[in-house]
Amino acid sequence: MPVQRIKHFLDTSGMEYMCLSHPPAYTAEELAHHVKIAGDRVAKTVIIELDGKMAMLVMPATWRVRWERLSQILDTDFVQLADEQEFQDRFPGCEVGAMPPFGPLFDMSVYCSEALSSQPEIAFSAGTHTESLHMKTRDFLQLVRPVVINQGFIRPGSQRPSWMTRRTVKPDLDLSRAGNTPPATMAGPYSPR
C-alpha cells in the first residue's frame, strides 16, 4: 500500500502531516475541490524526461508547464512529458496519476515551482486517487530538497510579463504622405488599358 510507505517515510523523518480520505480525484484540481483548499496549495506531480532521465516536476494544480522556458531554465536540449507506460513501474503500488512528490523514495530528482514553495502548506496525492497528504511546505522542502525554480511555469489567465509581450507595429498605410498615391486602376482587378 503506497500510503503506508509514504507515512513510514514521513514518520521516520519526524515530519507532521495529515492524511485525508475523499472521493476519487483524478486531477490535482479535483483534489483541491474535494479537500476544499485553493488549487495553488495542491501540488501536482508531473513526471518529465530530462536528457533521457526521469525527474519530477512539482507545481501548483492551477499552473501549467511552459516547455520551452523550462528547457532553457534547466539548461537542457531535451525535456518532455514522460510516457505513463514507461514510468508506472517506478512507482510500485501507486495508481497512475497519483504519484506523491517524494523523489527520494523513487530515486528521482525533483524540481519545484517557486510559486508552490511559497505556500504555507501543501496537499498532494498519497499514491491513490482517494487519499491525500497535507503538510507544511517548509517540511516538504526540507525532506525532499528539490531544486526550486521560478520559471518554466505559467498560471492560465495570468498577464504575461512585459518582456514577453510582443509589440505589434501597424504599417503606415497612408501612401499619399510618401508621395506614392496608388493609381485608381490598382484598387480593383487588373485590366489592361
C-alpha atoms as a PDB file:
ATOM      1  CA  MET A   1       0.000   0.000   0.000  1.00  0.00           C
ATOM      2  CA  PRO A   2       1.661   3.267  -1.144  1.00  0.00           C
ATOM      3  CA  VAL A   3       0.130   5.378   1.626  1.00  0.00           C
ATOM      4  CA  GLN A   4       1.753   3.199   4.300  1.00  0.00           C
ATOM      5  CA  ARG A   5       5.162   3.503   2.618  1.00  0.00           C
ATOM      6  CA  ILE A   6       4.844   7.286   2.431  1.00  0.00           C
ATOM      7  CA  LYS A   7       3.609   7.522   6.029  1.00  0.00           C
ATOM      8  CA  HIS A   8       6.591   5.447   7.151  1.00  0.00           C
ATOM      9  CA  PHE A   9       8.901   7.779   5.204  1.00  0.00           C
ATOM     10  CA  LEU A  10       7.342  10.822   6.908  1.00  0.00           C
ATOM     11  CA  ASP A  11       7.217   9.214  10.353  1.00  0.00           C
ATOM     12  CA  THR A  12      10.884   8.198  10.293  1.00  0.00           C
ATOM     13  CA  SER A  13      11.751  11.747   9.235  1.00  0.00           C
ATOM     14  CA  GLY A  14       9.764  13.188  12.150  1.00  0.00           C
ATOM     15  CA  MET A  15       7.505  15.287   9.902  1.00  0.00           C
ATOM     16  CA  GLU A  16       3.969  16.265  10.838  1.00  0.00           C
ATOM     17  CA  TYR A  17       1.278  15.543   8.281  1.00  0.00           C
ATOM     18  CA  MET A  18      -2.400  14.764   7.938  1.00  0.00           C
ATOM     19  CA  CYS A  19      -3.883  12.043   5.731  1.00  0.00           C
ATOM     20  CA  LEU A  20      -7.388  12.544   4.326  1.00  0.00           C
ATOM     21  CA  SER A  21      -9.742  10.185   2.503  1.00  0.00           C
ATOM     22  CA  HIS A  22     -12.003  11.756  -0.114  1.00  0.00           C
ATOM     23  CA  PRO A  23     -13.991  10.914  -3.275  1.00  0.00           C
ATOM     24  CA  PRO A  24     -11.817   9.907  -6.239  1.00  0.00           C
ATOM     25  CA  ALA A  25      -9.752  12.822  -7.580  1.00  0.00           C
ATOM     26  CA  TYR A  26      -8.063  12.137 -10.918  1.00  0.00           C
ATOM     27  CA  THR A  27      -6.529  15.582 -11.264  1.00  0.00           C
ATOM     28  CA  ALA A  28      -4.867  17.911  -8.779  1.00  0.00           C
ATOM     29  CA  GLU A  29      -7.655  20.427  -9.382  1.00  0.00           C
ATOM     30  CA  GLU A  30     -10.263  17.794  -8.442  1.00  0.00           C
ATOM     31  CA  LEU A  31      -8.248  17.089  -5.300  1.00  0.00           C
ATOM     32  CA  ALA A  32      -8.356  20.804  -4.411  1.00  0.00           C
ATOM     33  CA  HIS A  33     -12.127  20.743  -4.864  1.00  0.00           C
ATOM     34  CA  HIS A  34     -12.659  17.627  -2.712  1.00  0.00           C
ATOM     35  CA  VAL A  35     -10.479  18.774   0.191  1.00  0.00           C
ATOM     36  CA  LYS A  36     -11.688  22.378  -0.153  1.00  0.00           C
ATOM     37  CA  ILE A  37      -8.386  24.205  -0.423  1.00  0.00           C
ATOM     38  CA  ALA A  38      -7.053  26.611  -3.028  1.00  0.00           C
ATOM     39  CA  GLY A  39      -5.559  24.992  -6.131  1.00  0.00           C
ATOM     40  CA  ASP A  40      -2.345  26.954  -5.574  1.00  0.00           C
ATOM     41  CA  ARG A  41      -1.801  24.852  -2.431  1.00  0.00           C
ATOM     42  CA  VAL A  42      -2.243  21.481  -4.132  1.00  0.00           C
ATOM     43  CA  ALA A  43       0.947  20.018  -5.550  1.00  0.00           C
ATOM     44  CA  LYS A  44       0.674  18.472  -8.981  1.00  0.00           C
ATOM     45  CA  THR A  45       3.401  15.914  -9.706  1.00  0.00           C
ATOM     46  CA  VAL A  46       4.395  15.758 -13.374  1.00  0.00           C
ATOM     47  CA  ILE A  47       6.917  13.156 -14.499  1.00  0.00           C
ATOM     48  CA  ILE A  48       9.252  14.517 -17.134  1.00  0.00           C
ATOM     49  CA  GLU A  49      12.052  13.081 -19.203  1.00  0.00           C
ATOM     50  CA  LEU A  50      15.107  15.268 -18.857  1.00  0.00           C
ATOM     51  CA  ASP A  51      18.055  14.379 -21.089  1.00  0.00           C
ATOM     52  CA  GLY A  52      16.999  10.719 -21.021  1.00  0.00           C
ATOM     53  CA  LYS A  53      16.356  10.529 -17.252  1.00  0.00           C
ATOM     54  CA  MET A  54      13.050  10.648 -15.412  1.00  0.00           C
ATOM     55  CA  ALA A  55      12.516  13.516 -12.976  1.00  0.00           C
ATOM     56  CA  MET A  56       9.622  15.039 -11.035  1.00  0.00           C
ATOM     57  CA  LEU A  57       8.243  18.475 -11.676  1.00  0.00           C
ATOM     58  CA  VAL A  58       6.109  19.699  -8.765  1.00  0.00           C
ATOM     59  CA  MET A  59       3.884  22.739  -9.212  1.00  0.00           C
ATOM     60  CA  PRO A  60       0.549  24.207  -8.128  1.00  0.00           C
ATOM     61  CA  ALA A  61      -2.502  22.403  -9.512  1.00  0.00           C
ATOM     62  CA  THR A  62      -3.656  25.563 -11.251  1.00  0.00           C
ATOM     63  CA  TRP A  63      -0.426  26.106 -13.179  1.00  0.00           C
ATOM     64  CA  ARG A  64       0.852  24.682 -16.479  1.00  0.00           C
ATOM     65  CA  VAL A  65       4.308  23.925 -17.876  1.00  0.00           C
ATOM     66  CA  ARG A  66       5.929  26.285 -20.377  1.00  0.00           C
ATOM     67  CA  TRP A  67       8.121  23.658 -22.060  1.00  0.00           C
ATOM     68  CA  GLU A  68      10.446  25.965 -23.992  1.00  0.00           C
ATOM     69  CA  ARG A  69      11.156  28.122 -20.951  1.00  0.00           C
ATOM     70  CA  LEU A  70      11.572  25.058 -18.732  1.00  0.00           C
ATOM     71  CA  SER A  71      14.147  23.690 -21.164  1.00  0.00           C
ATOM     72  CA  GLN A  72      16.045  26.987 -21.026  1.00  0.00           C
ATOM     73  CA  ILE A  73      15.980  27.294 -17.239  1.00  0.00           C
ATOM     74  CA  LEU A  74      17.120  23.676 -16.793  1.00  0.00           C
ATOM     75  CA  ASP A  75      19.807  24.258 -19.432  1.00  0.00           C
ATOM     76  CA  THR A  76      18.906  21.193 -21.442  1.00  0.00           C
ATOM     77  CA  ASP A  77      18.194  20.413 -25.047  1.00  0.00           C
ATOM     78  CA  PHE A  78      15.619  17.755 -24.259  1.00  0.00           C
ATOM     79  CA  VAL A  79      12.729  17.939 -21.799  1.00  0.00           C
ATOM     80  CA  GLN A  80       9.314  16.449 -22.367  1.00  0.00           C
ATOM     81  CA  LEU A  81       6.380  14.841 -20.619  1.00  0.00           C
ATOM     82  CA  ALA A  82       7.255  11.236 -19.793  1.00  0.00           C
ATOM     83  CA  ASP A  83       5.091   8.405 -21.121  1.00  0.00           C
ATOM     84  CA  GLU A  84       2.965   6.837 -18.353  1.00  0.00           C
ATOM     85  CA  GLN A  85       3.715   3.324 -19.599  1.00  0.00           C
ATOM     86  CA  GLU A  86       7.432   3.985 -19.211  1.00  0.00           C
ATOM     87  CA  PHE A  87       7.295   5.219 -15.618  1.00  0.00           C
ATOM     88  CA  GLN A  88       4.406   3.383 -13.944  1.00  0.00           C
ATOM     89  CA  ASP A  89       6.754   0.611 -12.747  1.00  0.00           C
ATOM     90  CA  ARG A  90       8.894   3.232 -10.970  1.00  0.00           C
ATOM     91  CA  PHE A  91       6.014   3.805  -8.532  1.00  0.00           C
ATOM     92  CA  PRO A  92       5.129   0.376  -7.134  1.00  0.00           C
ATOM     93  CA  GLY A  93       1.695   0.306  -5.533  1.00  0.00           C
ATOM     94  CA  CYS A  94       0.806   3.818  -6.711  1.00  0.00           C
ATOM     95  CA  GLU A  95      -2.099   4.444  -9.022  1.00  0.00           C
ATOM     96  CA  VAL A  96      -1.116   6.104 -12.304  1.00  0.00           C
ATOM     97  CA  GLY A  97      -1.596   9.843 -11.959  1.00  0.00           C
ATOM     98  CA  ALA A  98      -1.479   9.770  -8.142  1.00  0.00           C
ATOM     99  CA  MET A  99       2.283   9.770  -7.607  1.00  0.00           C
ATOM    100  CA  PRO A 100       3.361  11.651  -4.483  1.00  0.00           C
ATOM    101  CA  PRO A 101       6.065  14.312  -4.956  1.00  0.00           C
ATOM    102  CA  PHE A 102       8.724  12.427  -2.982  1.00  0.00           C
ATOM    103  CA  GLY A 103      11.571  11.947  -5.448  1.00  0.00           C
ATOM    104  CA  PRO A 104      13.935  10.438  -2.852  1.00  0.00           C
ATOM    105  CA  LEU A 105      11.519   7.500  -2.406  1.00  0.00           C
ATOM    106  CA  PHE A 106      11.635   6.761  -6.122  1.00  0.00           C
ATOM    107  CA  ASP A 107      15.235   7.707  -6.917  1.00  0.00           C
ATOM    108  CA  MET A 108      14.251  10.787  -8.927  1.00  0.00           C
ATOM    109  CA  SER A 109      15.389  14.391  -8.987  1.00  0.00           C
ATOM    110  CA  VAL A 110      12.681  16.882  -8.031  1.00  0.00           C
ATOM    111  CA  TYR A 111      12.187  20.366  -9.498  1.00  0.00           C
ATOM    112  CA  CYS A 112       9.663  22.501  -7.622  1.00  0.00           C
ATOM    113  CA  SER A 113       7.914  25.678  -8.693  1.00  0.00           C
ATOM    114  CA  GLU A 114       8.807  28.654  -6.544  1.00  0.00           C
ATOM    115  CA  ALA A 115       5.093  29.566  -6.507  1.00  0.00           C
ATOM    116  CA  LEU A 116       4.328  26.300  -4.709  1.00  0.00           C
ATOM    117  CA  SER A 117       7.286  26.608  -2.354  1.00  0.00           C
ATOM    118  CA  SER A 118       5.972  29.950  -1.104  1.00  0.00           C
ATOM    119  CA  GLN A 119       2.700  28.424   0.150  1.00  0.00           C
ATOM    120  CA  PRO A 120       2.475  27.798   3.920  1.00  0.00           C
ATOM    121  CA  GLU A 121       1.016  24.291   3.454  1.00  0.00           C
ATOM    122  CA  ILE A 122       0.539  21.905   0.554  1.00  0.00           C
ATOM    123  CA  ALA A 123      -1.588  18.867  -0.211  1.00  0.00           C
ATOM    124  CA  PHE A 124      -0.906  16.111  -2.727  1.00  0.00           C
ATOM    125  CA  SER A 125      -1.986  12.639  -3.782  1.00  0.00           C
ATOM    126  CA  ALA A 126      -0.722   9.933  -1.481  1.00  0.00           C
ATOM    127  CA  GLY A 127      -0.369   7.264  -4.150  1.00  0.00           C
ATOM    128  CA  THR A 128      -4.109   6.713  -4.651  1.00  0.00           C
ATOM    129  CA  HIS A 129      -6.891   8.812  -6.119  1.00  0.00           C
ATOM    130  CA  THR A 130      -8.843   8.660  -2.839  1.00  0.00           C
ATOM    131  CA  GLU A 131      -6.193   9.655  -0.275  1.00  0.00           C
ATOM    132  CA  SER A 132      -4.150  12.798   0.085  1.00  0.00           C
ATOM    133  CA  LEU A 133      -1.467  14.058   2.423  1.00  0.00           C
ATOM    134  CA  HIS A 134      -1.278  17.585   3.825  1.00  0.00           C
ATOM    135  CA  MET A 135       1.853  19.041   5.362  1.00  0.00           C
ATOM    136  CA  LYS A 136       3.766  22.244   5.934  1.00  0.00           C
ATOM    137  CA  THR A 137       5.630  23.327   2.826  1.00  0.00           C
ATOM    138  CA  ARG A 138       8.828  24.018   4.744  1.00  0.00           C
ATOM    139  CA  ASP A 139       8.786  20.377   5.955  1.00  0.00           C
ATOM    140  CA  PHE A 140       8.273  19.136   2.389  1.00  0.00           C
ATOM    141  CA  LEU A 141      11.175  21.276   1.161  1.00  0.00           C
ATOM    142  CA  GLN A 142      13.430  20.101   3.995  1.00  0.00           C
ATOM    143  CA  LEU A 143      12.603  16.446   3.387  1.00  0.00           C
ATOM    144  CA  VAL A 144      12.671  16.331  -0.413  1.00  0.00           C
ATOM    145  CA  ARG A 145      15.271  19.068  -1.051  1.00  0.00           C
ATOM    146  CA  PRO A 146      14.002  19.900  -4.548  1.00  0.00           C
ATOM    147  CA  VAL A 147      15.639  22.328  -6.915  1.00  0.00           C
ATOM    148  CA  VAL A 148      13.317  25.345  -6.661  1.00  0.00           C
ATOM    149  CA  ILE A 149      12.876  27.156  -9.969  1.00  0.00           C
ATOM    150  CA  ASN A 150      10.956  30.342 -10.698  1.00  0.00           C
ATOM    151  CA  GLN A 151      10.465  29.987 -14.455  1.00  0.00           C
ATOM    152  CA  GLY A 152       9.060  27.336 -16.770  1.00  0.00           C
ATOM    153  CA  PHE A 153       5.508  27.597 -15.431  1.00  0.00           C
ATOM    154  CA  ILE A 154       2.511  29.762 -16.176  1.00  0.00           C
ATOM    155  CA  ARG A 155      -0.775  30.305 -14.464  1.00  0.00           C
ATOM    156  CA  PRO A 156      -3.515  30.216 -17.118  1.00  0.00           C
ATOM    157  CA  GLY A 157      -5.197  33.569 -17.489  1.00  0.00           C
ATOM    158  CA  SER A 158      -2.348  35.478 -15.911  1.00  0.00           C
ATOM    159  CA  GLN A 159      -0.908  38.509 -17.626  1.00  0.00           C
ATOM    160  CA  ARG A 160       2.322  37.906 -19.468  1.00  0.00           C
ATOM    161  CA  PRO A 161       5.385  39.715 -18.174  1.00  0.00           C
ATOM    162  CA  SER A 162       6.266  42.824 -20.165  1.00  0.00           C
ATOM    163  CA  TRP A 163       9.412  41.204 -21.567  1.00  0.00           C
ATOM    164  CA  MET A 164       7.220  38.520 -23.175  1.00  0.00           C
ATOM    165  CA  THR A 165       4.687  40.883 -24.706  1.00  0.00           C
ATOM    166  CA  ARG A 166       5.129  41.138 -28.426  1.00  0.00           C
ATOM    167  CA  ARG A 167       4.919  44.608 -29.797  1.00  0.00           C
ATOM    168  CA  THR A 168       2.933  44.863 -32.970  1.00  0.00           C
ATOM    169  CA  VAL A 169       3.789  47.693 -35.282  1.00  0.00           C
ATOM    170  CA  LYS A 170       0.972  48.758 -37.549  1.00  0.00           C
ATOM    171  CA  PRO A 171       2.214  49.618 -41.003  1.00  0.00           C
ATOM    172  CA  ASP A 172       1.592  53.139 -42.197  1.00  0.00           C
ATOM    173  CA  LEU A 173      -0.935  52.582 -44.962  1.00  0.00           C
ATOM    174  CA  ASP A 174      -1.310  56.254 -45.833  1.00  0.00           C
ATOM    175  CA  LEU A 175       0.699  56.111 -49.041  1.00  0.00           C
ATOM    176  CA  SER A 176      -0.195  59.672 -50.042  1.00  0.00           C
ATOM    177  CA  ARG A 177       2.168  61.091 -47.399  1.00  0.00           C
ATOM    178  CA  ALA A 178       5.058  59.312 -49.021  1.00  0.00           C
ATOM    179  CA  GLY A 179       4.135  60.633 -52.439  1.00  0.00           C
ATOM    180  CA  ASN A 180       3.058  57.190 -53.559  1.00  0.00           C
ATOM    181  CA  THR A 181      -0.609  57.657 -54.326  1.00  0.00           C
ATOM    182  CA  PRO A 182      -1.713  54.456 -55.988  1.00  0.00           C
ATOM    183  CA  PRO A 183      -3.413  54.805 -59.375  1.00  0.00           C
ATOM    184  CA  ALA A 184      -7.167  54.168 -59.408  1.00  0.00           C
ATOM    185  CA  THR A 185      -6.699  51.072 -61.544  1.00  0.00           C
ATOM    186  CA  MET A 186      -4.861  49.374 -58.683  1.00  0.00           C
ATOM    187  CA  ALA A 187      -7.927  49.463 -56.433  1.00  0.00           C
ATOM    188  CA  GLY A 188      -9.731  46.767 -58.412  1.00  0.00           C
ATOM    189  CA  PRO A 189      -8.796  43.772 -60.501  1.00  0.00           C
ATOM    190  CA  TYR A 190      -6.130  44.304 -63.124  1.00  0.00           C
ATOM    191  CA  SER A 191      -7.451  45.319 -66.507  1.00  0.00           C
ATOM    192  CA  PRO A 192      -5.243  46.248 -69.418  1.00  0.00           C
ATOM    193  CA  ARG A 193      -5.899  49.697 -70.968  1.00  0.00           C
END
